[in-house]
Amino acid sequence: MNRFIKDLIERYPILDGIKTNIIEASEIMIEAFKNGNTLFLCGNGGSAADSEHIAGELLKGFILKRCLNSELKSKFETKYGKEGLNIAEKLQYGFRALSLTSHPAFTSAFSNDVDGSLTFAQQLLALSKPGDVVMGITTSGNSQNIYNCLITASVIEVKSILLTGYNGGKCATISDCVIKAPGDETFKIQEYHLPIYHTLCMIAEDYFHG
């Protein structure tokens, strides 16, 4: 068993029943990153904050520093001397991850002019390409804007991961990979989501930079 999954289950034994789903999600993410694809994230309220949180862990080092290799550092130094080397020493490798909650000007315009329930779907259509992945986070599994985004993902050949609660809701019926955190109250589900997605980030980071 992956050591990060093992550690997760030791800390949260109740998640043992969904470990295979977590592993599947990690494999989908790794495959996408391996091919230079992007992970898109979306959610509402606390789940929007989780979307930003996940992107933040992936865009920079999480538990590892992900230092630039010597070849890239040398390019910085060759072109810009000590100044370039100083920059290169601080930069870190990151994964292509983007939260679809991050564009307030677009979101407000599209919600006002077209349909607020399609803001995530519209961004996914505009920004993604086949082979990318979208992770929808909804504790109920019934958020309409997440559902619409997952429908769009299915049509445009973007794989989908759903991070949800015990019931899964209608979103679970159209997602490629479903992680159902135990619990039927929003705050309890969210308390499980954090260690789950931290584990996903650690597995991906370790695969490429461990």
N, C-alpha and C. Protein backbone atom coordinates (compact mmCIF):
# COMPACT_ATOMS: atom_id res chain seq x y z
N MET A 1 0.84 -1.20 0.00
CA MET A 1 0.00 0.00 0.00
C MET A 1 0.88 1.26 0.00
N ASN A 2 0.51 2.25 -0.78
CA ASN A 2 1.21 3.52 -0.78
C ASN A 2 1.34 4.06 0.64
N ARG A 3 2.52 4.56 0.98
CA ARG A 3 2.75 4.98 2.37
C ARG A 3 1.89 6.16 2.79
N PHE A 4 1.52 7.00 1.83
CA PHE A 4 0.67 8.14 2.16
C PHE A 4 -0.77 7.68 2.42
N ILE A 5 -1.21 6.69 1.66
CA ILE A 5 -2.53 6.12 1.91
C ILE A 5 -2.53 5.41 3.26
N LYS A 6 -1.48 4.69 3.54
CA LYS A 6 -1.36 3.98 4.81
C LYS A 6 -1.42 4.94 5.98
N ASP A 7 -0.70 6.04 5.87
CA ASP A 7 -0.69 7.04 6.93
C ASP A 7 -2.08 7.67 7.08
N LEU A 8 -2.74 7.94 5.95
CA LEU A 8 -4.09 8.52 5.99
C LEU A 8 -5.05 7.61 6.74
N ILE A 9 -5.01 6.31 6.41
CA ILE A 9 -5.93 5.36 7.05
C ILE A 9 -5.60 5.17 8.52
N GLU A 10 -4.35 5.24 8.87
CA GLU A 10 -3.97 5.13 10.29
C GLU A 10 -4.52 6.31 11.09
N ARG A 11 -4.52 7.48 10.47
CA ARG A 11 -5.03 8.67 11.15
C ARG A 11 -6.55 8.77 11.09
N TYR A 12 -7.13 8.26 10.00
CA TYR A 12 -8.58 8.31 9.81
C TYR A 12 -9.07 6.93 9.38
N PRO A 13 -9.18 5.98 10.31
CA PRO A 13 -9.58 4.60 9.95
C PRO A 13 -10.90 4.53 9.21
N ILE A 14 -11.77 5.50 9.42
CA ILE A 14 -13.08 5.48 8.78
C ILE A 14 -12.97 5.62 7.26
N LEU A 15 -11.81 6.10 6.77
CA LEU A 15 -11.62 6.28 5.33
C LEU A 15 -11.12 5.01 4.64
N ASP A 16 -10.93 3.94 5.37
CA ASP A 16 -10.41 2.70 4.79
C ASP A 16 -11.30 2.20 3.64
N GLY A 17 -12.60 2.38 3.78
CA GLY A 17 -13.53 1.88 2.77
C GLY A 17 -13.46 2.60 1.44
N ILE A 18 -12.82 3.77 1.39
CA ILE A 18 -12.73 4.52 0.13
C ILE A 18 -11.29 4.68 -0.35
N LYS A 19 -10.37 3.91 0.23
CA LYS A 19 -8.96 4.07 -0.15
C LYS A 19 -8.72 3.75 -1.63
N THR A 20 -9.45 2.76 -2.16
CA THR A 20 -9.25 2.43 -3.58
C THR A 20 -9.68 3.59 -4.48
N ASN A 21 -10.70 4.33 -4.07
CA ASN A 21 -11.15 5.49 -4.84
C ASN A 21 -10.11 6.62 -4.78
N ILE A 22 -9.50 6.79 -3.62
CA ILE A 22 -8.46 7.80 -3.46
C ILE A 22 -7.25 7.45 -4.33
N ILE A 23 -6.88 6.18 -4.32
CA ILE A 23 -5.77 5.72 -5.15
C ILE A 23 -6.08 5.94 -6.63
N GLU A 24 -7.31 5.63 -7.02
CA GLU A 24 -7.72 5.84 -8.42
C GLU A 24 -7.60 7.31 -8.81
N ALA A 25 -8.04 8.20 -7.92
CA ALA A 25 -7.96 9.64 -8.19
C ALA A 25 -6.50 10.07 -8.34
N SER A 26 -5.63 9.54 -7.49
CA SER A 26 -4.21 9.90 -7.58
C SER A 26 -3.61 9.44 -8.90
N GLU A 27 -4.03 8.28 -9.38
CA GLU A 27 -3.53 7.76 -10.65
C GLU A 27 -4.00 8.62 -11.83
N ILE A 28 -5.24 9.10 -11.75
CA ILE A 28 -5.76 9.98 -12.80
C ILE A 28 -4.96 11.29 -12.83
N MET A 29 -4.69 11.84 -11.65
CA MET A 29 -3.92 13.08 -11.57
C MET A 29 -2.51 12.90 -12.11
N ILE A 30 -1.86 11.81 -11.68
CA ILE A 30 -0.48 11.56 -12.11
C ILE A 30 -0.40 11.39 -13.62
N GLU A 31 -1.34 10.65 -14.19
CA GLU A 31 -1.35 10.44 -15.63
C GLU A 31 -1.49 11.77 -16.37
N ALA A 32 -2.34 12.65 -15.86
CA ALA A 32 -2.52 13.96 -16.48
C ALA A 32 -1.23 14.79 -16.38
N PHE A 33 -0.65 14.85 -15.21
CA PHE A 33 0.57 15.65 -15.03
C PHE A 33 1.73 15.08 -15.85
N LYS A 34 1.77 13.77 -15.97
CA LYS A 34 2.83 13.11 -16.74
C LYS A 34 2.78 13.56 -18.20
N ASN A 35 1.58 13.82 -18.70
CA ASN A 35 1.39 14.20 -20.10
C ASN A 35 1.30 15.71 -20.31
N GLY A 36 1.62 16.47 -19.25
CA GLY A 36 1.59 17.92 -19.37
C GLY A 36 0.21 18.52 -19.35
N ASN A 37 -0.75 17.78 -18.83
CA ASN A 37 -2.12 18.27 -18.78
C ASN A 37 -2.39 19.03 -17.47
N THR A 38 -3.58 19.58 -17.39
CA THR A 38 -3.95 20.47 -16.29
C THR A 38 -5.05 19.87 -15.43
N LEU A 39 -4.96 20.12 -14.12
CA LEU A 39 -6.03 19.79 -13.20
C LEU A 39 -6.81 21.06 -12.90
N PHE A 40 -8.09 21.06 -13.25
CA PHE A 40 -8.98 22.17 -12.92
C PHE A 40 -9.77 21.80 -11.67
N LEU A 41 -10.10 22.79 -10.86
CA LEU A 41 -10.78 22.55 -9.59
C LEU A 41 -11.96 23.51 -9.45
N CYS A 42 -13.05 23.03 -8.86
CA CYS A 42 -14.19 23.92 -8.64
C CYS A 42 -15.02 23.46 -7.47
N GLY A 43 -15.65 24.41 -6.81
CA GLY A 43 -16.50 24.13 -5.66
C GLY A 43 -17.17 25.42 -5.22
N ASN A 44 -18.07 25.31 -4.27
CA ASN A 44 -18.81 26.47 -3.76
C ASN A 44 -18.56 26.65 -2.26
N GLY A 45 -18.49 27.90 -1.82
CA GLY A 45 -18.32 28.16 -0.40
C GLY A 45 -17.03 27.56 0.14
N GLY A 46 -17.15 26.72 1.17
CA GLY A 46 -15.98 26.07 1.73
C GLY A 46 -15.25 25.22 0.71
N SER A 47 -16.00 24.64 -0.21
CA SER A 47 -15.39 23.81 -1.25
C SER A 47 -14.66 24.67 -2.28
N ALA A 48 -15.07 25.93 -2.43
CA ALA A 48 -14.32 26.86 -3.27
C ALA A 48 -12.97 27.15 -2.63
N ALA A 49 -12.99 27.32 -1.31
CA ALA A 49 -11.74 27.52 -0.58
C ALA A 49 -10.84 26.30 -0.70
N ASP A 50 -11.45 25.10 -0.67
CA ASP A 50 -10.68 23.87 -0.84
C ASP A 50 -10.06 23.82 -2.24
N SER A 51 -10.78 24.29 -3.24
CA SER A 51 -10.26 24.32 -4.60
C SER A 51 -9.00 25.17 -4.68
N GLU A 52 -9.05 26.33 -4.05
CA GLU A 52 -7.89 27.21 -4.01
C GLU A 52 -6.75 26.57 -3.22
N HIS A 53 -7.11 25.91 -2.13
CA HIS A 53 -6.12 25.25 -1.27
C HIS A 53 -5.35 24.18 -2.06
N ILE A 54 -6.08 23.34 -2.78
CA ILE A 54 -5.45 22.27 -3.56
C ILE A 54 -4.52 22.86 -4.61
N ALA A 55 -4.99 23.87 -5.33
CA ALA A 55 -4.16 24.52 -6.35
C ALA A 55 -2.88 25.07 -5.72
N GLY A 56 -3.02 25.64 -4.53
CA GLY A 56 -1.86 26.20 -3.84
C GLY A 56 -0.83 25.15 -3.49
N GLU A 57 -1.29 23.96 -3.09
CA GLU A 57 -0.35 22.88 -2.74
C GLU A 57 0.35 22.32 -3.96
N LEU A 58 -0.31 22.42 -5.13
CA LEU A 58 0.25 21.83 -6.34
C LEU A 58 1.16 22.78 -7.11
N LEU A 59 0.92 24.06 -7.02
CA LEU A 59 1.68 25.03 -7.79
C LEU A 59 3.09 25.27 -7.25
N LYS A 60 3.33 24.85 -6.03
CA LYS A 60 4.64 25.00 -5.40
C LYS A 60 4.92 23.74 -4.58
N GLY A 61 6.09 23.70 -3.95
CA GLY A 61 6.40 22.57 -3.10
C GLY A 61 5.42 22.45 -1.95
N PHE A 62 5.05 21.23 -1.63
CA PHE A 62 4.13 20.97 -0.52
C PHE A 62 4.93 20.43 0.67
N ILE A 63 5.27 19.14 0.67
CA ILE A 63 6.14 18.61 1.71
C ILE A 63 7.57 18.45 1.20
N LEU A 64 7.76 18.67 -0.11
CA LEU A 64 9.09 18.66 -0.72
C LEU A 64 9.34 20.03 -1.34
N LYS A 65 10.60 20.40 -1.52
CA LYS A 65 10.92 21.73 -2.04
C LYS A 65 10.80 21.84 -3.56
N ARG A 66 10.98 20.73 -4.27
CA ARG A 66 10.90 20.72 -5.74
C ARG A 66 11.84 21.72 -6.39
N CYS A 67 13.09 21.73 -5.97
CA CYS A 67 14.08 22.67 -6.50
C CYS A 67 14.29 22.48 -8.00
N LEU A 68 14.64 23.56 -8.67
CA LEU A 68 14.95 23.49 -10.08
C LEU A 68 16.22 22.66 -10.30
N ASN A 69 16.29 21.98 -11.42
CA ASN A 69 17.50 21.19 -11.69
C ASN A 69 18.65 22.11 -12.09
N SER A 70 19.85 21.56 -12.09
CA SER A 70 21.06 22.35 -12.33
C SER A 70 21.08 22.98 -13.72
N GLU A 71 20.51 22.29 -14.70
CA GLU A 71 20.49 22.81 -16.07
C GLU A 71 19.66 24.08 -16.16
N LEU A 72 18.48 24.07 -15.53
CA LEU A 72 17.63 25.25 -15.58
C LEU A 72 18.23 26.39 -14.76
N LYS A 73 18.81 26.06 -13.61
CA LYS A 73 19.47 27.08 -12.80
C LYS A 73 20.60 27.74 -13.58
N SER A 74 21.33 26.93 -14.33
CA SER A 74 22.45 27.44 -15.12
C SER A 74 21.97 28.42 -16.18
N LYS A 75 20.80 28.16 -16.77
CA LYS A 75 20.24 29.06 -17.78
C LYS A 75 19.92 30.43 -17.16
N PHE A 76 19.36 30.41 -15.96
CA PHE A 76 19.08 31.67 -15.26
C PHE A 76 20.37 32.44 -15.01
N GLU A 77 21.39 31.71 -14.55
CA GLU A 77 22.66 32.34 -14.21
C GLU A 77 23.36 32.87 -15.46
N THR A 78 23.33 32.09 -16.54
CA THR A 78 24.00 32.50 -17.77
C THR A 78 23.40 33.78 -18.32
N LYS A 79 22.09 33.91 -18.26
CA LYS A 79 21.43 35.08 -18.84
C LYS A 79 21.43 36.29 -17.90
N TYR A 80 21.36 36.03 -16.58
CA TYR A 80 21.18 37.16 -15.65
C TYR A 80 22.12 37.15 -14.45
N GLY A 81 23.16 36.32 -14.51
CA GLY A 81 24.17 36.34 -13.47
C GLY A 81 23.65 36.01 -12.09
N LYS A 82 24.18 36.72 -11.07
CA LYS A 82 23.80 36.45 -9.68
C LYS A 82 22.31 36.69 -9.45
N GLU A 83 21.79 37.70 -10.13
CA GLU A 83 20.36 38.01 -9.98
C GLU A 83 19.51 36.84 -10.47
N GLY A 84 19.88 36.30 -11.63
CA GLY A 84 19.16 35.15 -12.16
C GLY A 84 19.29 33.94 -11.28
N LEU A 85 20.50 33.70 -10.75
CA LEU A 85 20.72 32.55 -9.88
C LEU A 85 19.92 32.67 -8.59
N ASN A 86 19.82 33.89 -8.07
CA ASN A 86 19.04 34.12 -6.85
C ASN A 86 17.57 33.77 -7.08
N ILE A 87 17.06 34.13 -8.25
CA ILE A 87 15.68 33.79 -8.59
C ILE A 87 15.52 32.27 -8.72
N ALA A 88 16.47 31.65 -9.44
CA ALA A 88 16.39 30.21 -9.67
C ALA A 88 16.46 29.40 -8.39
N GLU A 89 17.21 29.91 -7.41
CA GLU A 89 17.33 29.20 -6.13
C GLU A 89 16.02 29.19 -5.36
N LYS A 90 15.15 30.14 -5.64
CA LYS A 90 13.90 30.26 -4.89
C LYS A 90 12.69 29.68 -5.63
N LEU A 91 12.77 29.62 -6.96
CA LEU A 91 11.66 29.05 -7.71
C LEU A 91 11.58 27.54 -7.49
N GLN A 92 10.38 26.99 -7.66
CA GLN A 92 10.14 25.56 -7.47
C GLN A 92 9.31 25.02 -8.62
N TYR A 93 9.47 23.75 -8.93
CA TYR A 93 8.61 23.13 -9.93
C TYR A 93 7.20 23.01 -9.37
N GLY A 94 6.23 23.16 -10.25
CA GLY A 94 4.84 23.04 -9.85
C GLY A 94 4.06 22.22 -10.87
N PHE A 95 2.86 21.86 -10.49
CA PHE A 95 1.96 21.14 -11.39
C PHE A 95 0.96 22.12 -11.99
N ARG A 96 0.47 21.77 -13.17
CA ARG A 96 -0.52 22.61 -13.83
C ARG A 96 -1.87 22.43 -13.11
N ALA A 97 -2.20 23.38 -12.25
CA ALA A 97 -3.43 23.30 -11.46
C ALA A 97 -4.09 24.68 -11.44
N LEU A 98 -5.38 24.71 -11.67
CA LEU A 98 -6.10 25.99 -11.76
C LEU A 98 -7.48 25.87 -11.13
N SER A 99 -7.74 26.75 -10.18
CA SER A 99 -9.07 26.79 -9.57
C SER A 99 -9.99 27.66 -10.41
N LEU A 100 -11.13 27.13 -10.79
CA LEU A 100 -12.10 27.86 -11.60
C LEU A 100 -12.91 28.85 -10.78
N THR A 101 -12.57 28.98 -9.51
CA THR A 101 -13.23 29.96 -8.64
C THR A 101 -12.47 31.29 -8.64
N SER A 102 -11.39 31.38 -9.42
CA SER A 102 -10.43 32.48 -9.28
C SER A 102 -10.64 33.67 -10.22
N HIS A 103 -11.73 33.71 -10.95
CA HIS A 103 -11.90 34.76 -11.95
C HIS A 103 -13.18 35.57 -11.69
N PRO A 104 -13.16 36.46 -10.71
CA PRO A 104 -14.39 37.17 -10.33
C PRO A 104 -14.96 38.07 -11.43
N ALA A 105 -14.11 38.69 -12.24
CA ALA A 105 -14.63 39.55 -13.31
C ALA A 105 -15.42 38.72 -14.32
N PHE A 106 -14.83 37.58 -14.73
CA PHE A 106 -15.55 36.70 -15.66
C PHE A 106 -16.82 36.16 -15.00
N THR A 107 -16.69 35.66 -13.76
CA THR A 107 -17.82 35.02 -13.09
C THR A 107 -19.00 35.97 -12.95
N SER A 108 -18.73 37.20 -12.54
CA SER A 108 -19.82 38.17 -12.36
C SER A 108 -20.44 38.53 -13.71
N ALA A 109 -19.62 38.68 -14.73
CA ALA A 109 -20.15 39.03 -16.06
C ALA A 109 -20.99 37.90 -16.63
N PHE A 110 -20.47 36.68 -16.56
CA PHE A 110 -21.19 35.56 -17.14
C PHE A 110 -22.48 35.26 -16.36
N SER A 111 -22.41 35.42 -15.03
CA SER A 111 -23.60 35.20 -14.20
C SER A 111 -24.67 36.22 -14.52
N ASN A 112 -24.25 37.46 -14.76
CA ASN A 112 -25.20 38.53 -15.04
C ASN A 112 -25.75 38.45 -16.47
N ASP A 113 -24.88 38.09 -17.40
CA ASP A 113 -25.26 38.14 -18.82
C ASP A 113 -25.83 36.85 -19.37
N VAL A 114 -25.40 35.71 -18.77
CA VAL A 114 -25.79 34.42 -19.34
C VAL A 114 -26.47 33.54 -18.31
N ASP A 115 -25.68 32.81 -17.51
CA ASP A 115 -26.26 31.85 -16.56
C ASP A 115 -25.21 31.50 -15.53
N GLY A 116 -25.46 31.88 -14.29
CA GLY A 116 -24.50 31.65 -13.21
C GLY A 116 -24.19 30.19 -12.95
N SER A 117 -25.11 29.31 -13.31
CA SER A 117 -24.88 27.88 -13.05
C SER A 117 -23.92 27.26 -14.06
N LEU A 118 -23.49 28.07 -15.03
CA LEU A 118 -22.60 27.56 -16.07
C LEU A 118 -21.21 28.20 -16.05
N THR A 119 -20.89 28.92 -14.98
CA THR A 119 -19.60 29.62 -14.95
C THR A 119 -18.43 28.64 -14.96
N PHE A 120 -18.52 27.54 -14.22
CA PHE A 120 -17.45 26.56 -14.22
C PHE A 120 -17.38 25.83 -15.56
N ALA A 121 -18.55 25.49 -16.09
CA ALA A 121 -18.59 24.78 -17.37
C ALA A 121 -18.01 25.64 -18.49
N GLN A 122 -18.33 26.93 -18.49
CA GLN A 122 -17.83 27.82 -19.54
C GLN A 122 -16.30 27.93 -19.49
N GLN A 123 -15.75 28.06 -18.29
CA GLN A 123 -14.30 28.15 -18.15
C GLN A 123 -13.62 26.86 -18.59
N LEU A 124 -14.23 25.73 -18.21
CA LEU A 124 -13.64 24.45 -18.59
C LEU A 124 -13.64 24.29 -20.10
N LEU A 125 -14.73 24.70 -20.74
CA LEU A 125 -14.82 24.62 -22.20
C LEU A 125 -13.76 25.50 -22.85
N ALA A 126 -13.54 26.68 -22.30
CA ALA A 126 -12.60 27.64 -22.89
C ALA A 126 -11.14 27.28 -22.64
N LEU A 127 -10.85 26.70 -21.49
CA LEU A 127 -9.45 26.55 -21.06
C LEU A 127 -8.89 25.14 -21.21
N SER A 128 -9.74 24.13 -21.24
CA SER A 128 -9.23 22.76 -21.17
C SER A 128 -9.01 22.15 -22.55
N LYS A 129 -8.33 21.02 -22.54
CA LYS A 129 -8.14 20.21 -23.75
C LYS A 129 -8.28 18.75 -23.34
N PRO A 130 -8.54 17.86 -24.28
CA PRO A 130 -8.66 16.44 -23.95
C PRO A 130 -7.42 15.94 -23.19
N GLY A 131 -7.66 15.15 -22.17
CA GLY A 131 -6.57 14.66 -21.34
C GLY A 131 -6.43 15.42 -20.04
N ASP A 132 -7.05 16.61 -19.97
CA ASP A 132 -7.07 17.36 -18.71
C ASP A 132 -8.02 16.67 -17.73
N VAL A 133 -8.00 17.15 -16.50
CA VAL A 133 -8.85 16.58 -15.45
C VAL A 133 -9.53 17.72 -14.71
N VAL A 134 -10.78 17.51 -14.32
CA VAL A 134 -11.46 18.46 -13.45
C VAL A 134 -11.87 17.75 -12.17
N MET A 135 -11.62 18.40 -11.06
CA MET A 135 -12.07 17.88 -9.76
C MET A 135 -13.18 18.79 -9.25
N GLY A 136 -14.38 18.23 -9.16
CA GLY A 136 -15.51 18.96 -8.61
C GLY A 136 -15.67 18.61 -7.15
N ILE A 137 -15.83 19.62 -6.30
CA ILE A 137 -15.97 19.40 -4.87
C ILE A 137 -17.35 19.88 -4.44
N THR A 138 -18.18 18.97 -3.99
CA THR A 138 -19.52 19.31 -3.53
C THR A 138 -19.93 18.32 -2.46
N THR A 139 -20.20 18.81 -1.26
CA THR A 139 -20.52 17.91 -0.16
C THR A 139 -21.84 17.17 -0.38
N SER A 140 -22.78 17.83 -1.04
CA SER A 140 -24.08 17.19 -1.30
C SER A 140 -24.04 16.31 -2.54
N GLY A 141 -23.15 16.65 -3.47
CA GLY A 141 -23.14 15.97 -4.76
C GLY A 141 -24.21 16.47 -5.71
N ASN A 142 -24.92 17.50 -5.30
CA ASN A 142 -26.04 17.99 -6.11
C ASN A 142 -25.90 19.45 -6.55
N SER A 143 -24.74 20.05 -6.36
CA SER A 143 -24.54 21.45 -6.77
C SER A 143 -24.71 21.55 -8.29
N GLN A 144 -25.62 22.39 -8.72
CA GLN A 144 -25.94 22.44 -10.15
C GLN A 144 -24.76 22.89 -11.00
N ASN A 145 -24.00 23.87 -10.49
CA ASN A 145 -22.88 24.37 -11.30
C ASN A 145 -21.77 23.31 -11.42
N ILE A 146 -21.59 22.48 -10.40
CA ILE A 146 -20.64 21.38 -10.49
C ILE A 146 -21.16 20.32 -11.45
N TYR A 147 -22.42 20.01 -11.34
CA TYR A 147 -23.05 19.02 -12.23
C TYR A 147 -22.92 19.45 -13.69
N ASN A 148 -23.20 20.72 -13.97
CA ASN A 148 -23.08 21.22 -15.34
C ASN A 148 -21.65 21.15 -15.84
N CYS A 149 -20.70 21.39 -14.95
CA CYS A 149 -19.29 21.33 -15.31
C CYS A 149 -18.88 19.90 -15.63
N LEU A 150 -19.39 18.94 -14.85
CA LEU A 150 -19.06 17.53 -15.08
C LEU A 150 -19.68 17.02 -16.38
N ILE A 151 -20.87 17.48 -16.69
CA ILE A 151 -21.48 17.13 -17.98
C ILE A 151 -20.59 17.63 -19.12
N THR A 152 -20.15 18.88 -19.01
CA THR A 152 -19.30 19.47 -20.03
C THR A 152 -17.99 18.69 -20.15
N ALA A 153 -17.42 18.31 -19.01
CA ALA A 153 -16.18 17.53 -19.01
C ALA A 153 -16.35 16.23 -19.79
N SER A 154 -17.47 15.57 -19.57
CA SER A 154 -17.73 14.30 -20.24
C SER A 154 -17.79 14.47 -21.75
N VAL A 155 -18.40 15.56 -22.19
CA VAL A 155 -18.56 15.81 -23.62
C VAL A 155 -17.24 16.16 -24.29
N ILE A 156 -16.39 16.93 -23.61
CA ILE A 156 -15.16 17.41 -24.24
C ILE A 156 -13.94 16.56 -23.89
N GLU A 157 -14.18 15.37 -23.35
CA GLU A 157 -13.12 14.39 -23.09
C GLU A 157 -12.13 14.85 -22.03
N VAL A 158 -12.66 15.48 -20.99
CA VAL A 158 -11.88 15.84 -19.81
C VAL A 158 -12.29 14.89 -18.69
N LYS A 159 -11.34 14.20 -18.09
CA LYS A 159 -11.68 13.26 -17.02
C LYS A 159 -12.14 14.01 -15.78
N SER A 160 -12.96 13.34 -14.98
CA SER A 160 -13.51 14.01 -13.81
C SER A 160 -13.32 13.20 -12.54
N ILE A 161 -13.01 13.94 -11.48
CA ILE A 161 -12.92 13.38 -10.13
C ILE A 161 -13.94 14.14 -9.29
N LEU A 162 -14.75 13.42 -8.54
CA LEU A 162 -15.72 14.05 -7.66
C LEU A 162 -15.34 13.80 -6.22
N LEU A 163 -15.21 14.87 -5.46
CA LEU A 163 -14.96 14.79 -4.02
C LEU A 163 -16.24 15.23 -3.35
N THR A 164 -16.92 14.28 -2.68
CA THR A 164 -18.27 14.55 -2.21
C THR A 164 -18.51 13.89 -0.86
N GLY A 165 -19.80 13.79 -0.48
CA GLY A 165 -20.17 13.16 0.78
C GLY A 165 -20.72 11.76 0.58
N TYR A 166 -21.26 11.22 1.64
CA TYR A 166 -21.67 9.81 1.66
C TYR A 166 -22.67 9.47 0.56
N ASN A 167 -23.60 10.37 0.26
CA ASN A 167 -24.65 10.06 -0.71
C ASN A 167 -24.20 10.21 -2.16
N GLY A 168 -23.26 11.08 -2.40
CA GLY A 168 -22.75 11.24 -3.76
C GLY A 168 -23.59 12.13 -4.66
N GLY A 169 -24.90 12.09 -4.48
CA GLY A 169 -25.80 12.93 -5.27
C GLY A 169 -25.75 12.62 -6.76
N LYS A 170 -26.37 13.50 -7.53
CA LYS A 170 -26.44 13.27 -8.97
C LYS A 170 -25.08 13.41 -9.66
N CYS A 171 -24.17 14.16 -9.04
CA CYS A 171 -22.84 14.32 -9.63
C CYS A 171 -22.09 12.99 -9.69
N ALA A 172 -22.37 12.10 -8.75
CA ALA A 172 -21.68 10.82 -8.71
C ALA A 172 -22.04 9.94 -9.90
N THR A 173 -23.19 10.20 -10.50
CA THR A 173 -23.65 9.36 -11.61
C THR A 173 -22.92 9.66 -12.92
N ILE A 174 -22.21 10.80 -12.99
CA ILE A 174 -21.57 11.18 -14.25
C ILE A 174 -20.08 11.43 -14.10
N SER A 175 -19.50 11.07 -12.95
CA SER A 175 -18.07 11.30 -12.71
C SER A 175 -17.26 10.05 -12.98
N ASP A 176 -16.05 10.22 -13.49
CA ASP A 176 -15.18 9.08 -13.77
C ASP A 176 -14.68 8.43 -12.49
N CYS A 177 -14.39 9.24 -11.49
CA CYS A 177 -13.89 8.73 -10.21
C CYS A 177 -14.61 9.48 -9.09
N VAL A 178 -15.16 8.74 -8.15
CA VAL A 178 -15.94 9.35 -7.07
C VAL A 178 -15.34 8.99 -5.72
N ILE A 179 -15.04 10.01 -4.93
CA ILE A 179 -14.56 9.82 -3.57
C ILE A 179 -15.65 10.33 -2.64
N LYS A 180 -16.31 9.40 -1.96
CA LYS A 180 -17.41 9.75 -1.06
C LYS A 180 -16.92 9.75 0.38
N ALA A 181 -16.66 10.93 0.91
CA ALA A 181 -16.24 11.03 2.31
C ALA A 181 -17.41 10.64 3.21
N PRO A 182 -17.16 9.90 4.27
CA PRO A 182 -18.25 9.49 5.16
C PRO A 182 -18.85 10.71 5.86
N GLY A 183 -20.13 10.63 6.11
CA GLY A 183 -20.81 11.73 6.77
C GLY A 183 -21.89 12.32 5.89
N ASP A 184 -22.91 12.89 6.52
CA ASP A 184 -23.98 13.51 5.77
C ASP A 184 -24.25 14.94 6.23
N GLU A 185 -23.31 15.49 6.99
CA GLU A 185 -23.37 16.90 7.37
C GLU A 185 -22.20 17.61 6.73
N THR A 186 -22.46 18.80 6.20
CA THR A 186 -21.46 19.51 5.42
C THR A 186 -20.13 19.65 6.13
N PHE A 187 -20.14 20.13 7.37
CA PHE A 187 -18.87 20.40 8.04
C PHE A 187 -18.09 19.14 8.32
N LYS A 188 -18.78 18.04 8.58
CA LYS A 188 -18.08 16.78 8.83
C LYS A 188 -17.45 16.23 7.54
N ILE A 189 -18.18 16.36 6.45
CA ILE A 189 -17.64 15.92 5.16
C ILE A 189 -16.40 16.74 4.81
N GLN A 190 -16.48 18.05 5.01
CA GLN A 190 -15.35 18.92 4.71
C GLN A 190 -14.13 18.59 5.56
N GLU A 191 -14.36 18.15 6.79
CA GLU A 191 -13.25 17.79 7.67
C GLU A 191 -12.50 16.57 7.15
N TYR A 192 -13.19 15.71 6.40
CA TYR A 192 -12.52 14.57 5.78
C TYR A 192 -11.90 14.95 4.43
N HIS A 193 -12.49 15.90 3.75
CA HIS A 193 -11.97 16.29 2.44
C HIS A 193 -10.53 16.77 2.53
N LEU A 194 -10.21 17.55 3.55
CA LEU A 194 -8.87 18.12 3.64
C LEU A 194 -7.78 17.06 3.71
N PRO A 195 -7.83 16.09 4.62
CA PRO A 195 -6.77 15.07 4.61
C PRO A 195 -6.76 14.21 3.34
N ILE A 196 -7.93 14.05 2.72
CA ILE A 196 -7.98 13.29 1.47
C ILE A 196 -7.22 14.03 0.38
N TYR A 197 -7.50 15.31 0.19
CA TYR A 197 -6.82 16.00 -0.90
C TYR A 197 -5.37 16.32 -0.57
N HIS A 198 -5.04 16.47 0.70
CA HIS A 198 -3.63 16.58 1.06
C HIS A 198 -2.88 15.31 0.66
N THR A 199 -3.51 14.17 0.86
CA THR A 199 -2.90 12.90 0.48
C THR A 199 -2.72 12.80 -1.02
N LEU A 200 -3.71 13.22 -1.78
CA LEU A 200 -3.60 13.22 -3.24
C LEU A 200 -2.42 14.09 -3.70
N CYS A 201 -2.27 15.26 -3.08
CA CYS A 201 -1.17 16.14 -3.44
C CYS A 201 0.18 15.53 -3.09
N MET A 202 0.27 14.87 -1.93
CA MET A 202 1.52 14.25 -1.52
C MET A 202 1.91 13.09 -2.43
N ILE A 203 0.92 12.30 -2.83
CA ILE A 203 1.20 11.17 -3.72
C ILE A 203 1.74 11.67 -5.06
N ALA A 204 1.10 12.70 -5.62
CA ALA A 204 1.56 13.24 -6.90
C ALA A 204 2.95 13.84 -6.76
N GLU A 205 3.16 14.60 -5.73
CA GLU A 205 4.46 15.22 -5.51
C GLU A 205 5.56 14.18 -5.35
N ASP A 206 5.28 13.15 -4.58
CA ASP A 206 6.28 12.12 -4.35
C ASP A 206 6.60 11.36 -5.65
N TYR A 207 5.60 11.14 -6.48
CA TYR A 207 5.81 10.42 -7.73
C TYR A 207 6.80 11.15 -8.63
N PHE A 208 6.67 12.46 -8.71
CA PHE A 208 7.52 13.24 -9.62
C PHE A 208 8.78 13.79 -8.97
N HIS A 209 8.76 14.01 -7.68
CA HIS A 209 9.87 14.71 -7.03
C HIS A 209 10.45 13.97 -5.82
N GLY A 210 9.91 12.80 -5.50
CA GLY A 210 10.37 12.06 -4.34
C GLY A 210 11.72 11.42 -4.57
